[in-house]
Amino acid sequence: MTSLSELSIPLRRLARKNALPEAAVWLAWGDAGATWFVTGAISLELSRERGRPVLQLLVYKENGALDEALTCVQTGANHWERCA
């Protein structure tokens, strides 16, 4: 999904940054009637702590409810892995 008009109204609100931290980005896709909406932002504090980029991801349901929050760190091989 590339335009706000393709999102549900609650997800449009999130995409317009009403509920997102500044400098966060979003990605959405749909398949067979399901929609996935994910926001991501680099955490400068955690990145400094770990000496590597740390990405905080929020996964939302189509109704705008938060489904999952993840923190991932970039590995030496330029992959991302979930922080414990």
N, C-alpha and C. Protein backbone atom coordinates (compact mmCIF):
# COMPACT_ATOMS: atom_id res chain seq x y z
N MET A 1 0.85 -1.16 0.00
CA MET A 1 0.00 0.00 0.00
C MET A 1 0.90 1.23 0.00
N THR A 2 0.56 2.16 -0.85
CA THR A 2 1.42 3.33 -0.97
C THR A 2 0.70 4.65 -0.72
N SER A 3 -0.61 4.63 -0.60
CA SER A 3 -1.32 5.88 -0.35
C SER A 3 -2.23 5.75 0.86
N LEU A 4 -2.47 6.87 1.51
CA LEU A 4 -3.32 6.87 2.70
C LEU A 4 -4.72 6.37 2.40
N SER A 5 -5.22 6.61 1.21
CA SER A 5 -6.58 6.20 0.87
C SER A 5 -6.76 4.69 0.89
N GLU A 6 -5.69 3.95 0.81
CA GLU A 6 -5.77 2.49 0.85
C GLU A 6 -5.86 1.94 2.28
N LEU A 7 -5.63 2.81 3.27
CA LEU A 7 -5.63 2.38 4.67
C LEU A 7 -6.99 2.60 5.33
N SER A 8 -7.24 1.85 6.39
CA SER A 8 -8.44 2.10 7.19
C SER A 8 -8.29 3.46 7.87
N ILE A 9 -9.36 4.03 8.33
CA ILE A 9 -9.31 5.35 8.96
C ILE A 9 -8.38 5.35 10.17
N PRO A 10 -8.45 4.35 11.07
CA PRO A 10 -7.51 4.36 12.21
C PRO A 10 -6.04 4.31 11.76
N LEU A 11 -5.75 3.55 10.72
CA LEU A 11 -4.37 3.48 10.24
C LEU A 11 -3.95 4.76 9.54
N ARG A 12 -4.89 5.44 8.90
CA ARG A 12 -4.59 6.74 8.30
C ARG A 12 -4.15 7.72 9.38
N ARG A 13 -4.86 7.69 10.50
CA ARG A 13 -4.49 8.58 11.61
C ARG A 13 -3.06 8.29 12.07
N LEU A 14 -2.73 7.02 12.20
CA LEU A 14 -1.37 6.66 12.59
C LEU A 14 -0.36 7.12 11.55
N ALA A 15 -0.68 6.90 10.29
CA ALA A 15 0.24 7.26 9.21
C ALA A 15 0.46 8.77 9.13
N ARG A 16 -0.52 9.52 9.54
CA ARG A 16 -0.38 10.99 9.53
C ARG A 16 0.39 11.48 10.75
N LYS A 17 0.94 10.55 11.50
CA LYS A 17 1.81 10.83 12.63
C LYS A 17 1.09 11.37 13.86
N ASN A 18 -0.23 11.23 13.92
CA ASN A 18 -0.94 11.65 15.13
C ASN A 18 -0.49 10.84 16.33
N ALA A 19 -0.13 9.59 16.12
CA ALA A 19 0.26 8.73 17.23
C ALA A 19 1.66 8.16 17.06
N LEU A 20 2.41 8.66 16.10
CA LEU A 20 3.76 8.15 15.84
C LEU A 20 4.80 9.13 16.35
N PRO A 21 5.93 8.60 16.82
CA PRO A 21 7.02 9.52 17.19
C PRO A 21 7.55 10.24 15.96
N GLU A 22 8.12 11.39 16.19
CA GLU A 22 8.70 12.14 15.07
C GLU A 22 9.79 11.30 14.42
N ALA A 23 9.92 11.41 13.13
CA ALA A 23 10.92 10.70 12.34
C ALA A 23 10.62 9.22 12.18
N ALA A 24 9.42 8.78 12.53
CA ALA A 24 9.04 7.39 12.30
C ALA A 24 8.54 7.24 10.86
N VAL A 25 8.70 6.07 10.31
CA VAL A 25 8.20 5.76 8.98
C VAL A 25 7.21 4.62 9.10
N TRP A 26 6.37 4.46 8.08
CA TRP A 26 5.41 3.37 8.11
C TRP A 26 5.45 2.58 6.81
N LEU A 27 4.99 1.35 6.94
CA LEU A 27 4.89 0.43 5.81
C LEU A 27 3.61 -0.37 5.99
N ALA A 28 2.84 -0.51 4.93
CA ALA A 28 1.60 -1.28 5.02
C ALA A 28 1.47 -2.15 3.79
N TRP A 29 0.89 -3.32 3.99
CA TRP A 29 0.59 -4.19 2.87
C TRP A 29 -0.64 -5.01 3.22
N GLY A 30 -1.28 -5.50 2.19
CA GLY A 30 -2.50 -6.28 2.40
C GLY A 30 -2.52 -7.49 1.51
N ASP A 31 -3.26 -8.51 1.98
CA ASP A 31 -3.41 -9.74 1.22
C ASP A 31 -4.64 -10.47 1.73
N ALA A 32 -5.50 -10.87 0.83
CA ALA A 32 -6.69 -11.66 1.17
C ALA A 32 -7.52 -11.01 2.28
N GLY A 33 -7.67 -9.70 2.21
CA GLY A 33 -8.51 -9.00 3.17
C GLY A 33 -7.83 -8.62 4.48
N ALA A 34 -6.61 -9.06 4.68
CA ALA A 34 -5.87 -8.70 5.89
C ALA A 34 -4.92 -7.54 5.58
N THR A 35 -4.70 -6.69 6.56
CA THR A 35 -3.78 -5.57 6.40
C THR A 35 -2.73 -5.63 7.50
N TRP A 36 -1.49 -5.40 7.13
CA TRP A 36 -0.39 -5.29 8.07
C TRP A 36 0.11 -3.86 8.02
N PHE A 37 0.27 -3.24 9.17
CA PHE A 37 0.74 -1.86 9.26
C PHE A 37 1.84 -1.81 10.31
N VAL A 38 3.02 -1.39 9.89
CA VAL A 38 4.19 -1.40 10.77
C VAL A 38 4.83 -0.02 10.73
N THR A 39 5.19 0.49 11.90
CA THR A 39 5.94 1.73 11.97
C THR A 39 7.33 1.42 12.51
N GLY A 40 8.29 2.23 12.14
CA GLY A 40 9.64 2.01 12.61
C GLY A 40 10.36 3.32 12.85
N ALA A 41 11.21 3.31 13.86
CA ALA A 41 12.04 4.47 14.16
C ALA A 41 13.34 3.99 14.76
N ILE A 42 14.43 4.64 14.40
CA ILE A 42 15.73 4.33 14.99
C ILE A 42 15.76 4.95 16.39
N SER A 43 16.24 4.17 17.35
CA SER A 43 16.42 4.67 18.71
C SER A 43 17.88 5.10 18.87
N LEU A 44 18.10 6.40 18.92
CA LEU A 44 19.47 6.89 19.05
C LEU A 44 20.08 6.48 20.39
N GLU A 45 19.28 6.54 21.45
CA GLU A 45 19.79 6.17 22.78
C GLU A 45 20.23 4.71 22.82
N LEU A 46 19.37 3.80 22.34
CA LEU A 46 19.73 2.38 22.34
C LEU A 46 20.85 2.08 21.36
N SER A 47 20.89 2.80 20.26
CA SER A 47 21.96 2.60 19.27
C SER A 47 23.31 2.98 19.87
N ARG A 48 23.33 4.07 20.60
CA ARG A 48 24.59 4.49 21.25
C ARG A 48 25.00 3.47 22.29
N GLU A 49 24.02 2.98 23.05
CA GLU A 49 24.28 1.99 24.10
C GLU A 49 24.92 0.73 23.54
N ARG A 50 24.39 0.25 22.41
CA ARG A 50 24.83 -1.01 21.83
C ARG A 50 25.96 -0.84 20.81
N GLY A 51 26.20 0.37 20.37
CA GLY A 51 27.23 0.60 19.37
C GLY A 51 26.81 0.13 17.99
N ARG A 52 25.53 -0.08 17.79
CA ARG A 52 24.96 -0.51 16.50
C ARG A 52 23.57 0.10 16.35
N PRO A 53 23.07 0.21 15.11
CA PRO A 53 21.72 0.74 14.94
C PRO A 53 20.67 -0.16 15.62
N VAL A 54 19.75 0.49 16.31
CA VAL A 54 18.64 -0.22 16.95
C VAL A 54 17.34 0.37 16.41
N LEU A 55 16.47 -0.50 15.95
CA LEU A 55 15.21 -0.12 15.33
C LEU A 55 14.05 -0.55 16.22
N GLN A 56 13.15 0.38 16.51
CA GLN A 56 11.96 0.06 17.28
C GLN A 56 10.78 -0.02 16.31
N LEU A 57 10.12 -1.16 16.30
CA LEU A 57 9.00 -1.42 15.40
C LEU A 57 7.71 -1.59 16.19
N LEU A 58 6.64 -1.03 15.65
CA LEU A 58 5.31 -1.22 16.22
C LEU A 58 4.43 -1.81 15.13
N VAL A 59 3.76 -2.91 15.44
CA VAL A 59 2.88 -3.59 14.49
C VAL A 59 1.44 -3.36 14.94
N TYR A 60 0.61 -2.85 14.03
CA TYR A 60 -0.77 -2.51 14.36
C TYR A 60 -1.75 -3.38 13.61
N LYS A 61 -2.90 -3.59 14.23
CA LYS A 61 -4.03 -4.26 13.56
C LYS A 61 -4.74 -3.23 12.70
N GLU A 62 -5.62 -3.70 11.82
CA GLU A 62 -6.32 -2.81 10.90
C GLU A 62 -7.16 -1.77 11.63
N ASN A 63 -7.62 -2.09 12.85
CA ASN A 63 -8.43 -1.14 13.61
C ASN A 63 -7.59 -0.11 14.35
N GLY A 64 -6.27 -0.16 14.18
CA GLY A 64 -5.38 0.80 14.81
C GLY A 64 -4.85 0.37 16.17
N ALA A 65 -5.28 -0.80 16.65
CA ALA A 65 -4.82 -1.29 17.95
C ALA A 65 -3.39 -1.84 17.80
N LEU A 66 -2.56 -1.56 18.78
CA LEU A 66 -1.20 -2.07 18.78
C LEU A 66 -1.22 -3.58 18.98
N ASP A 67 -0.56 -4.30 18.09
CA ASP A 67 -0.52 -5.76 18.15
C ASP A 67 0.78 -6.25 18.77
N GLU A 68 1.90 -5.59 18.43
CA GLU A 68 3.19 -6.05 18.90
C GLU A 68 4.21 -4.91 18.84
N ALA A 69 5.10 -4.87 19.80
CA ALA A 69 6.20 -3.92 19.80
C ALA A 69 7.50 -4.71 19.80
N LEU A 70 8.39 -4.37 18.90
CA LEU A 70 9.66 -5.09 18.75
C LEU A 70 10.82 -4.11 18.79
N THR A 71 11.91 -4.56 19.33
CA THR A 71 13.17 -3.82 19.26
C THR A 71 14.18 -4.74 18.61
N CYS A 72 14.80 -4.26 17.54
CA CYS A 72 15.75 -5.07 16.78
C CYS A 72 17.08 -4.34 16.65
N VAL A 73 18.15 -5.10 16.64
CA VAL A 73 19.49 -4.54 16.49
C VAL A 73 20.10 -5.08 15.20
N GLN A 74 20.89 -4.23 14.55
CA GLN A 74 21.56 -4.65 13.32
C GLN A 74 22.77 -5.50 13.69
N THR A 75 22.92 -6.62 13.03
CA THR A 75 24.04 -7.52 13.30
C THR A 75 25.24 -7.09 12.46
N GLY A 76 26.37 -7.73 12.72
CA GLY A 76 27.57 -7.45 11.95
C GLY A 76 27.43 -7.79 10.49
N ALA A 77 26.52 -8.71 10.16
CA ALA A 77 26.30 -9.12 8.77
C ALA A 77 25.21 -8.29 8.09
N ASN A 78 24.89 -7.12 8.70
CA ASN A 78 23.85 -6.22 8.17
C ASN A 78 22.47 -6.87 8.09
N HIS A 79 22.19 -7.74 9.01
CA HIS A 79 20.85 -8.29 9.18
C HIS A 79 20.27 -7.68 10.45
N TRP A 80 19.00 -7.92 10.68
CA TRP A 80 18.36 -7.42 11.88
C TRP A 80 17.91 -8.59 12.73
N GLU A 81 18.15 -8.51 14.03
CA GLU A 81 17.68 -9.56 14.93
C GLU A 81 16.99 -8.90 16.12
N ARG A 82 16.00 -9.60 16.62
CA ARG A 82 15.23 -9.12 17.76
C ARG A 82 16.12 -9.05 19.00
N CYS A 83 16.00 -7.97 19.74
CA CYS A 83 16.74 -7.84 21.00
C CYS A 83 16.04 -8.69 22.06
N ALA A 84 16.86 -9.29 22.91
CA ALA A 84 16.31 -10.13 23.99
C ALA A 84 15.81 -9.26 25.13
